[in-house]
Amino acid sequence: MAQPIPLEFPPRNPREELLHRLEHAPEEHAQALLAAYEVLQQLHDRGVLELARGVLAAGDDILEKVVDQARTPEAIRSIRNLIFWQHVLGSIEPEWFKGIFKAIPEGLAKATAEPEKPIGLFGLLRRLITKDGLRGLAAATDFLQAFGRHLHSLESPSLESPNLEP
């Protein structure tokens, strides 16, 4: 009959394994260690490590002041406004912003340029009735109508016409 083969594992020594890995780490990770040393040196040169040390030393005081400031009504409104603007900006297509931001420098350049002669009312009307001028006026009108519609929905009852009944 067959005899079982004895299988014995030597006892593990986790400390010895860690020491072995630590001894061979500089060889295996030499480039990473050099890059880490360079980053640490640059942080030290710029005073970031000193700043971090100071923040850690005064951690509770700084945290207490930040929390006190965050509890103010102004900070709460600011955070709410940031969240609101995140939703607004997220709903606008980037191409629309491209058109607006391309038009800003051109419009500012035209507005600040010295005109050859003063612009008259008819000259202004002539510029307004061009294809681009009418398109811009239509966009501005659409915006103002939507703005007015939303202003009307936000009016408080005290601003509406008073109730004259007893």
N, C-alpha and C. Protein backbone atom coordinates (compact mmCIF):
# COMPACT_ATOMS: atom_id res chain seq x y z
N MET A 1 0.82 -1.16 0.00
CA MET A 1 0.00 0.00 0.00
C MET A 1 0.88 1.25 0.00
N ALA A 2 0.39 2.33 -0.59
CA ALA A 2 1.18 3.55 -0.75
C ALA A 2 1.29 4.29 0.57
N GLN A 3 2.42 4.87 0.73
CA GLN A 3 2.67 5.65 1.94
C GLN A 3 2.43 7.13 1.64
N PRO A 4 1.74 7.85 2.54
CA PRO A 4 1.55 9.28 2.30
C PRO A 4 2.87 10.04 2.39
N ILE A 5 2.97 11.03 1.52
CA ILE A 5 4.17 11.87 1.53
C ILE A 5 3.97 12.94 2.60
N PRO A 6 4.90 13.02 3.50
CA PRO A 6 4.72 14.04 4.54
C PRO A 6 4.96 15.44 3.96
N LEU A 7 4.03 16.33 4.25
CA LEU A 7 4.13 17.72 3.77
C LEU A 7 4.20 18.63 4.98
N GLU A 8 5.36 19.18 5.16
CA GLU A 8 5.55 20.07 6.31
C GLU A 8 6.02 21.43 5.79
N PHE A 9 5.31 22.47 6.21
CA PHE A 9 5.69 23.83 5.86
C PHE A 9 6.52 24.41 7.00
N PRO A 10 7.57 25.12 6.64
CA PRO A 10 8.32 25.76 7.72
C PRO A 10 7.45 26.86 8.33
N PRO A 11 7.60 27.11 9.59
CA PRO A 11 6.77 28.16 10.22
C PRO A 11 7.09 29.52 9.60
N ARG A 12 6.01 30.31 9.40
CA ARG A 12 6.16 31.65 8.81
C ARG A 12 6.66 32.62 9.85
N ASN A 13 7.54 33.48 9.41
CA ASN A 13 8.04 34.55 10.27
C ASN A 13 7.73 35.87 9.55
N PRO A 14 6.58 36.50 9.85
CA PRO A 14 6.20 37.72 9.14
C PRO A 14 7.24 38.84 9.29
N ARG A 15 7.88 38.90 10.43
CA ARG A 15 8.88 39.95 10.64
C ARG A 15 10.06 39.76 9.69
N GLU A 16 10.48 38.54 9.53
CA GLU A 16 11.60 38.25 8.63
C GLU A 16 11.22 38.55 7.18
N GLU A 17 9.96 38.26 6.79
CA GLU A 17 9.50 38.56 5.43
C GLU A 17 9.49 40.07 5.18
N LEU A 18 9.05 40.83 6.16
CA LEU A 18 9.04 42.29 6.02
C LEU A 18 10.46 42.84 5.92
N LEU A 19 11.34 42.32 6.73
CA LEU A 19 12.74 42.77 6.66
C LEU A 19 13.35 42.45 5.31
N HIS A 20 13.03 41.29 4.77
CA HIS A 20 13.54 40.90 3.46
C HIS A 20 13.01 41.85 2.38
N ARG A 21 11.70 42.15 2.43
CA ARG A 21 11.11 43.08 1.45
C ARG A 21 11.72 44.47 1.59
N LEU A 22 11.94 44.90 2.83
CA LEU A 22 12.51 46.23 3.07
C LEU A 22 13.95 46.32 2.56
N GLU A 23 14.70 45.26 2.71
CA GLU A 23 16.08 45.26 2.23
C GLU A 23 16.15 45.35 0.71
N HIS A 24 15.19 44.72 0.02
CA HIS A 24 15.22 44.69 -1.43
C HIS A 24 14.42 45.83 -2.08
N ALA A 25 13.70 46.61 -1.28
CA ALA A 25 12.88 47.69 -1.82
C ALA A 25 13.69 48.73 -2.58
N PRO A 26 14.84 49.20 -2.06
CA PRO A 26 15.58 50.21 -2.82
C PRO A 26 16.00 49.73 -4.21
N GLU A 27 16.31 48.46 -4.34
CA GLU A 27 16.70 47.92 -5.64
C GLU A 27 15.51 47.86 -6.60
N GLU A 28 14.37 47.42 -6.08
CA GLU A 28 13.18 47.22 -6.92
C GLU A 28 12.49 48.54 -7.27
N HIS A 29 12.58 49.50 -6.36
CA HIS A 29 11.82 50.74 -6.54
C HIS A 29 12.73 51.97 -6.54
N ALA A 30 13.90 51.84 -7.08
CA ALA A 30 14.88 52.94 -7.04
C ALA A 30 14.36 54.20 -7.71
N GLN A 31 13.78 54.09 -8.91
CA GLN A 31 13.30 55.28 -9.62
C GLN A 31 12.16 55.94 -8.86
N ALA A 32 11.24 55.14 -8.32
CA ALA A 32 10.12 55.71 -7.57
C ALA A 32 10.62 56.41 -6.31
N LEU A 33 11.59 55.82 -5.63
CA LEU A 33 12.13 56.45 -4.43
C LEU A 33 12.82 57.77 -4.76
N LEU A 34 13.59 57.79 -5.84
CA LEU A 34 14.25 59.04 -6.23
C LEU A 34 13.22 60.12 -6.58
N ALA A 35 12.15 59.74 -7.29
CA ALA A 35 11.10 60.71 -7.62
C ALA A 35 10.41 61.21 -6.37
N ALA A 36 10.17 60.32 -5.40
CA ALA A 36 9.54 60.73 -4.15
C ALA A 36 10.44 61.69 -3.38
N TYR A 37 11.76 61.43 -3.37
CA TYR A 37 12.70 62.34 -2.72
C TYR A 37 12.69 63.71 -3.38
N GLU A 38 12.60 63.74 -4.70
CA GLU A 38 12.57 65.02 -5.41
C GLU A 38 11.31 65.80 -5.07
N VAL A 39 10.18 65.10 -5.01
CA VAL A 39 8.92 65.76 -4.64
C VAL A 39 9.01 66.31 -3.23
N LEU A 40 9.52 65.52 -2.31
CA LEU A 40 9.67 65.99 -0.93
C LEU A 40 10.58 67.21 -0.86
N GLN A 41 11.66 67.21 -1.62
CA GLN A 41 12.58 68.35 -1.61
C GLN A 41 11.89 69.60 -2.15
N GLN A 42 11.12 69.46 -3.22
CA GLN A 42 10.42 70.62 -3.77
C GLN A 42 9.36 71.14 -2.79
N LEU A 43 8.66 70.23 -2.12
CA LEU A 43 7.69 70.66 -1.11
C LEU A 43 8.39 71.40 0.02
N HIS A 44 9.54 70.91 0.41
CA HIS A 44 10.31 71.57 1.46
C HIS A 44 10.80 72.95 1.01
N ASP A 45 11.33 73.02 -0.22
CA ASP A 45 11.84 74.29 -0.75
C ASP A 45 10.76 75.36 -0.82
N ARG A 46 9.55 74.97 -1.12
CA ARG A 46 8.45 75.93 -1.26
C ARG A 46 7.73 76.21 0.06
N GLY A 47 8.13 75.53 1.12
CA GLY A 47 7.53 75.78 2.43
C GLY A 47 6.23 75.05 2.66
N VAL A 48 5.87 74.14 1.77
CA VAL A 48 4.59 73.43 1.92
C VAL A 48 4.64 72.50 3.13
N LEU A 49 5.78 71.86 3.34
CA LEU A 49 5.89 70.95 4.50
C LEU A 49 5.80 71.72 5.81
N GLU A 50 6.40 72.90 5.85
CA GLU A 50 6.32 73.73 7.05
C GLU A 50 4.87 74.18 7.30
N LEU A 51 4.19 74.53 6.24
CA LEU A 51 2.79 74.91 6.35
C LEU A 51 1.95 73.73 6.85
N ALA A 52 2.17 72.56 6.29
CA ALA A 52 1.43 71.36 6.71
C ALA A 52 1.71 71.06 8.18
N ARG A 53 2.95 71.21 8.59
CA ARG A 53 3.29 70.98 10.00
C ARG A 53 2.55 71.96 10.90
N GLY A 54 2.48 73.23 10.49
CA GLY A 54 1.76 74.22 11.27
C GLY A 54 0.27 73.95 11.33
N VAL A 55 -0.30 73.50 10.20
CA VAL A 55 -1.73 73.18 10.17
C VAL A 55 -2.01 72.01 11.09
N LEU A 56 -1.16 71.01 11.07
CA LEU A 56 -1.36 69.85 11.94
C LEU A 56 -1.23 70.25 13.41
N ALA A 57 -0.31 71.15 13.72
CA ALA A 57 -0.13 71.59 15.11
C ALA A 57 -1.35 72.37 15.60
N ALA A 58 -1.94 73.17 14.72
CA ALA A 58 -3.08 73.99 15.12
C ALA A 58 -4.38 73.42 14.56
N GLY A 59 -4.40 72.14 14.30
CA GLY A 59 -5.53 71.49 13.63
C GLY A 59 -6.89 71.77 14.24
N ASP A 60 -7.01 71.60 15.55
CA ASP A 60 -8.32 71.79 16.19
C ASP A 60 -8.77 73.24 16.11
N ASP A 61 -7.84 74.17 16.31
CA ASP A 61 -8.21 75.59 16.24
C ASP A 61 -8.68 75.97 14.85
N ILE A 62 -7.95 75.52 13.83
CA ILE A 62 -8.31 75.84 12.45
C ILE A 62 -9.66 75.22 12.11
N LEU A 63 -9.85 73.96 12.47
CA LEU A 63 -11.11 73.28 12.18
C LEU A 63 -12.28 73.98 12.86
N GLU A 64 -12.08 74.42 14.10
CA GLU A 64 -13.13 75.12 14.82
C GLU A 64 -13.50 76.43 14.13
N LYS A 65 -12.49 77.17 13.65
CA LYS A 65 -12.76 78.43 12.96
C LYS A 65 -13.46 78.20 11.63
N VAL A 66 -13.05 77.16 10.89
CA VAL A 66 -13.69 76.85 9.62
C VAL A 66 -15.16 76.47 9.85
N VAL A 67 -15.40 75.66 10.86
CA VAL A 67 -16.79 75.25 11.15
C VAL A 67 -17.61 76.46 11.57
N ASP A 68 -17.05 77.35 12.38
CA ASP A 68 -17.78 78.55 12.79
C ASP A 68 -18.14 79.41 11.59
N GLN A 69 -17.20 79.57 10.65
CA GLN A 69 -17.48 80.36 9.46
C GLN A 69 -18.49 79.66 8.55
N ALA A 70 -18.46 78.35 8.49
CA ALA A 70 -19.38 77.62 7.62
C ALA A 70 -20.81 77.65 8.15
N ARG A 71 -20.98 77.95 9.41
CA ARG A 71 -22.32 78.00 10.00
C ARG A 71 -23.02 79.34 9.81
N THR A 72 -22.34 80.32 9.27
CA THR A 72 -22.95 81.64 9.11
C THR A 72 -23.99 81.58 7.99
N PRO A 73 -25.01 82.43 8.07
CA PRO A 73 -26.03 82.45 7.01
C PRO A 73 -25.44 82.76 5.63
N GLU A 74 -24.41 83.61 5.59
CA GLU A 74 -23.78 83.95 4.31
C GLU A 74 -23.13 82.73 3.68
N ALA A 75 -22.44 81.93 4.50
CA ALA A 75 -21.77 80.73 3.98
C ALA A 75 -22.79 79.72 3.50
N ILE A 76 -23.87 79.58 4.23
CA ILE A 76 -24.91 78.62 3.82
C ILE A 76 -25.53 79.05 2.50
N ARG A 77 -25.83 80.37 2.38
CA ARG A 77 -26.37 80.88 1.10
C ARG A 77 -25.36 80.68 -0.03
N SER A 78 -24.09 80.91 0.25
CA SER A 78 -23.06 80.74 -0.78
C SER A 78 -23.01 79.29 -1.26
N ILE A 79 -23.05 78.36 -0.34
CA ILE A 79 -23.02 76.94 -0.72
C ILE A 79 -24.26 76.59 -1.53
N ARG A 80 -25.41 77.07 -1.09
CA ARG A 80 -26.64 76.80 -1.85
C ARG A 80 -26.56 77.41 -3.25
N ASN A 81 -26.02 78.63 -3.34
CA ASN A 81 -25.88 79.27 -4.66
C ASN A 81 -24.92 78.51 -5.54
N LEU A 82 -23.82 78.01 -4.99
CA LEU A 82 -22.88 77.21 -5.78
C LEU A 82 -23.54 75.94 -6.31
N ILE A 83 -24.33 75.29 -5.46
CA ILE A 83 -25.03 74.08 -5.91
C ILE A 83 -26.04 74.43 -7.00
N PHE A 84 -26.75 75.55 -6.82
CA PHE A 84 -27.70 75.98 -7.84
C PHE A 84 -26.99 76.26 -9.16
N TRP A 85 -25.86 76.99 -9.10
CA TRP A 85 -25.14 77.32 -10.33
C TRP A 85 -24.55 76.08 -10.99
N GLN A 86 -24.21 75.08 -10.18
CA GLN A 86 -23.73 73.82 -10.76
C GLN A 86 -24.83 73.19 -11.60
N HIS A 87 -26.07 73.24 -11.11
CA HIS A 87 -27.20 72.70 -11.88
C HIS A 87 -27.45 73.54 -13.14
N VAL A 88 -27.38 74.86 -12.99
CA VAL A 88 -27.63 75.74 -14.14
C VAL A 88 -26.57 75.53 -15.21
N LEU A 89 -25.30 75.57 -14.82
CA LEU A 89 -24.22 75.41 -15.79
C LEU A 89 -24.22 74.01 -16.40
N GLY A 90 -24.64 73.02 -15.63
CA GLY A 90 -24.70 71.66 -16.16
C GLY A 90 -25.80 71.48 -17.19
N SER A 91 -26.79 72.35 -17.18
CA SER A 91 -27.90 72.21 -18.14
C SER A 91 -27.64 72.97 -19.44
N ILE A 92 -26.56 73.72 -19.52
CA ILE A 92 -26.26 74.53 -20.71
C ILE A 92 -25.24 73.78 -21.57
N GLU A 93 -25.54 73.69 -22.85
CA GLU A 93 -24.64 73.02 -23.78
C GLU A 93 -23.36 73.83 -23.93
N PRO A 94 -22.19 73.18 -23.94
CA PRO A 94 -20.92 73.90 -24.07
C PRO A 94 -20.81 74.73 -25.35
N GLU A 95 -21.46 74.29 -26.43
CA GLU A 95 -21.39 75.04 -27.69
C GLU A 95 -22.00 76.42 -27.53
N TRP A 96 -23.04 76.53 -26.68
CA TRP A 96 -23.67 77.83 -26.47
C TRP A 96 -22.69 78.78 -25.78
N PHE A 97 -21.97 78.26 -24.81
CA PHE A 97 -20.97 79.09 -24.14
C PHE A 97 -19.88 79.51 -25.10
N LYS A 98 -19.51 78.61 -26.02
CA LYS A 98 -18.47 78.94 -26.99
C LYS A 98 -18.87 80.19 -27.77
N GLY A 99 -20.12 80.22 -28.22
CA GLY A 99 -20.59 81.38 -28.98
C GLY A 99 -20.56 82.65 -28.16
N ILE A 100 -20.96 82.56 -26.91
CA ILE A 100 -20.96 83.74 -26.04
C ILE A 100 -19.54 84.22 -25.80
N PHE A 101 -18.64 83.29 -25.47
CA PHE A 101 -17.28 83.68 -25.12
C PHE A 101 -16.47 84.12 -26.33
N LYS A 102 -16.83 83.67 -27.52
CA LYS A 102 -16.16 84.18 -28.72
C LYS A 102 -16.64 85.59 -29.03
N ALA A 103 -17.90 85.89 -28.70
CA ALA A 103 -18.47 87.20 -29.01
C ALA A 103 -17.98 88.28 -28.04
N ILE A 104 -17.61 87.92 -26.83
CA ILE A 104 -17.23 88.92 -25.83
C ILE A 104 -16.03 89.76 -26.28
N PRO A 105 -14.88 89.14 -26.65
CA PRO A 105 -13.75 90.00 -27.06
C PRO A 105 -14.05 90.86 -28.28
N GLU A 106 -14.79 90.28 -29.23
CA GLU A 106 -15.12 91.03 -30.45
C GLU A 106 -16.01 92.22 -30.10
N GLY A 107 -17.03 91.98 -29.26
CA GLY A 107 -17.92 93.07 -28.87
C GLY A 107 -17.21 94.13 -28.07
N LEU A 108 -16.33 93.71 -27.15
CA LEU A 108 -15.59 94.70 -26.36
C LEU A 108 -14.64 95.51 -27.23
N ALA A 109 -14.02 94.86 -28.21
CA ALA A 109 -13.12 95.58 -29.10
C ALA A 109 -13.88 96.64 -29.90
N LYS A 110 -15.06 96.27 -30.41
CA LYS A 110 -15.86 97.24 -31.16
C LYS A 110 -16.37 98.36 -30.26
N ALA A 111 -16.77 98.00 -29.04
CA ALA A 111 -17.34 99.00 -28.13
C ALA A 111 -16.29 99.99 -27.65
N THR A 112 -15.04 99.55 -27.50
CA THR A 112 -14.01 100.45 -26.98
C THR A 112 -13.19 101.12 -28.08
N ALA A 113 -13.40 100.75 -29.32
CA ALA A 113 -12.66 101.38 -30.43
C ALA A 113 -13.15 102.81 -30.63
N GLU A 114 -12.26 103.67 -31.05
CA GLU A 114 -12.62 105.06 -31.34
C GLU A 114 -13.38 105.10 -32.65
N PRO A 115 -14.64 105.52 -32.63
CA PRO A 115 -15.36 105.61 -33.91
C PRO A 115 -14.86 106.79 -34.72
N GLU A 116 -14.96 106.62 -36.05
CA GLU A 116 -14.53 107.70 -36.93
C GLU A 116 -15.42 108.92 -36.74
N LYS A 117 -16.69 108.68 -36.58
CA LYS A 117 -17.63 109.77 -36.32
C LYS A 117 -18.64 109.27 -35.29
N PRO A 118 -19.31 110.15 -34.61
CA PRO A 118 -20.27 109.72 -33.59
C PRO A 118 -21.37 108.84 -34.20
N ILE A 119 -21.80 107.87 -33.42
CA ILE A 119 -22.86 106.98 -33.90
C ILE A 119 -24.20 107.65 -33.66
N GLY A 120 -24.96 107.76 -34.71
CA GLY A 120 -26.28 108.38 -34.60
C GLY A 120 -27.36 107.32 -34.40
N LEU A 121 -28.57 107.79 -34.19
CA LEU A 121 -29.70 106.91 -33.96
C LEU A 121 -29.96 106.03 -35.18
N PHE A 122 -29.91 106.61 -36.39
CA PHE A 122 -30.16 105.82 -37.59
C PHE A 122 -29.02 104.82 -37.85
N GLY A 123 -27.80 105.20 -37.53
CA GLY A 123 -26.68 104.27 -37.66
C GLY A 123 -26.83 103.08 -36.72
N LEU A 124 -27.29 103.37 -35.52
CA LEU A 124 -27.52 102.31 -34.55
C LEU A 124 -28.65 101.40 -35.02
N LEU A 125 -29.74 102.00 -35.52
CA LEU A 125 -30.85 101.19 -36.04
C LEU A 125 -30.41 100.35 -37.23
N ARG A 126 -29.56 100.89 -38.10
CA ARG A 126 -29.07 100.15 -39.25
C ARG A 126 -28.28 98.91 -38.79
N ARG A 127 -27.50 99.09 -37.71
CA ARG A 127 -26.75 97.96 -37.19
C ARG A 127 -27.67 96.94 -36.52
N LEU A 128 -28.74 97.42 -35.90
CA LEU A 128 -29.66 96.51 -35.21
C LEU A 128 -30.47 95.65 -36.17
N ILE A 129 -30.80 96.18 -37.35
CA ILE A 129 -31.67 95.41 -38.25
C ILE A 129 -30.90 94.48 -39.18
N THR A 130 -29.60 94.29 -38.92
CA THR A 130 -28.87 93.28 -39.68
C THR A 130 -29.29 91.90 -39.18
N LYS A 131 -28.95 90.89 -39.93
CA LYS A 131 -29.32 89.51 -39.57
C LYS A 131 -28.79 89.16 -38.17
N ASP A 132 -27.51 89.45 -37.92
CA ASP A 132 -26.92 89.13 -36.62
C ASP A 132 -27.49 89.99 -35.51
N GLY A 133 -27.76 91.26 -35.80
CA GLY A 133 -28.34 92.15 -34.80
C GLY A 133 -29.72 91.70 -34.38
N LEU A 134 -30.54 91.31 -35.36
CA LEU A 134 -31.89 90.82 -35.04
C LEU A 134 -31.83 89.50 -34.27
N ARG A 135 -30.89 88.64 -34.63
CA ARG A 135 -30.75 87.37 -33.92
C ARG A 135 -30.37 87.63 -32.46
N GLY A 136 -29.45 88.58 -32.24
CA GLY A 136 -29.05 88.93 -30.88
C GLY A 136 -30.20 89.55 -30.09
N LEU A 137 -30.96 90.45 -30.76
CA LEU A 137 -32.11 91.06 -30.09
C LEU A 137 -33.16 90.02 -29.73
N ALA A 138 -33.39 89.05 -30.62
CA ALA A 138 -34.36 87.99 -30.33
C ALA A 138 -33.90 87.16 -29.14
N ALA A 139 -32.61 86.82 -29.09
CA ALA A 139 -32.08 86.04 -27.97
C ALA A 139 -32.20 86.82 -26.67
N ALA A 140 -31.88 88.11 -26.71
CA ALA A 140 -32.00 88.95 -25.51
C ALA A 140 -33.45 89.06 -25.07
N THR A 141 -34.36 89.21 -26.02
CA THR A 141 -35.79 89.30 -25.69
C THR A 141 -36.29 88.00 -25.09
N ASP A 142 -35.89 86.86 -25.65
CA ASP A 142 -36.29 85.56 -25.09
C ASP A 142 -35.79 85.42 -23.66
N PHE A 143 -34.54 85.83 -23.44
CA PHE A 143 -33.98 85.76 -22.10
C PHE A 143 -34.76 86.65 -21.13
N LEU A 144 -35.04 87.89 -21.55
CA LEU A 144 -35.76 88.82 -20.67
C LEU A 144 -37.17 88.34 -20.38
N GLN A 145 -37.84 87.72 -21.35
CA GLN A 145 -39.18 87.19 -21.11
C GLN A 145 -39.13 86.05 -20.09
N ALA A 146 -38.18 85.15 -20.25
CA ALA A 146 -38.06 84.04 -19.29
C ALA A 146 -37.71 84.57 -17.91
N PHE A 147 -36.82 85.57 -17.86
CA PHE A 147 -36.44 86.18 -16.59
C PHE A 147 -37.65 86.82 -15.92
N GLY A 148 -38.44 87.56 -16.68
CA GLY A 148 -39.64 88.18 -16.13
C GLY A 148 -40.65 87.16 -15.66
N ARG A 149 -40.81 86.08 -16.40
CA ARG A 149 -41.74 85.02 -16.01
C ARG A 149 -41.32 84.43 -14.67
N HIS A 150 -40.04 84.20 -14.49
CA HIS A 150 -39.57 83.62 -13.23
C HIS A 150 -39.60 84.64 -12.10
N LEU A 151 -39.40 85.91 -12.40
CA LEU A 151 -39.53 86.93 -11.36
C LEU A 151 -40.97 86.99 -10.87
N HIS A 152 -41.91 86.89 -11.79
CA HIS A 152 -43.32 86.94 -11.41
C HIS A 152 -43.66 85.77 -10.50
N SER A 153 -43.10 84.59 -10.76
CA SER A 153 -43.41 83.43 -9.93
C SER A 153 -42.77 83.53 -8.56
N LEU A 154 -41.77 84.39 -8.37
CA LEU A 154 -41.11 84.53 -7.08
C LEU A 154 -41.66 85.67 -6.24
N GLU A 155 -42.56 86.47 -6.82
CA GLU A 155 -43.09 87.61 -6.07
C GLU A 155 -43.83 87.13 -4.84
N SER A 156 -43.62 87.85 -3.75
CA SER A 156 -44.31 87.49 -2.51
C SER A 156 -45.72 88.07 -2.54
N PRO A 157 -46.64 87.48 -1.79
CA PRO A 157 -48.02 87.98 -1.79
C PRO A 157 -48.12 89.43 -1.33
N SER A 158 -47.17 89.91 -0.52
CA SER A 158 -47.25 91.29 -0.04
C SER A 158 -46.96 92.29 -1.16
N LEU A 159 -46.27 91.86 -2.23
CA LEU A 159 -45.96 92.76 -3.32
C LEU A 159 -47.07 92.81 -4.38
N GLU A 160 -47.97 91.84 -4.34
CA GLU A 160 -49.07 91.82 -5.30
C GLU A 160 -50.10 92.86 -4.89
N SER A 161 -51.12 93.00 -5.70
CA SER A 161 -52.14 94.02 -5.40
C SER A 161 -52.82 93.72 -4.06
N PRO A 162 -52.99 94.74 -3.25
CA PRO A 162 -53.58 94.52 -1.92
C PRO A 162 -55.03 94.11 -2.02
N ASN A 163 -55.46 93.35 -1.06
CA ASN A 163 -56.84 92.91 -0.98
C ASN A 163 -57.67 94.03 -0.41
N LEU A 164 -58.61 94.53 -1.18
CA LEU A 164 -59.41 95.67 -0.73
C LEU A 164 -60.66 95.26 0.01
N GLU A 165 -60.94 93.97 0.07
CA GLU A 165 -62.15 93.53 0.78
C GLU A 165 -61.89 93.53 2.27
N PRO A 166 -62.93 93.85 3.08
CA PRO A 166 -62.77 93.89 4.53
C PRO A 166 -62.63 92.53 5.14
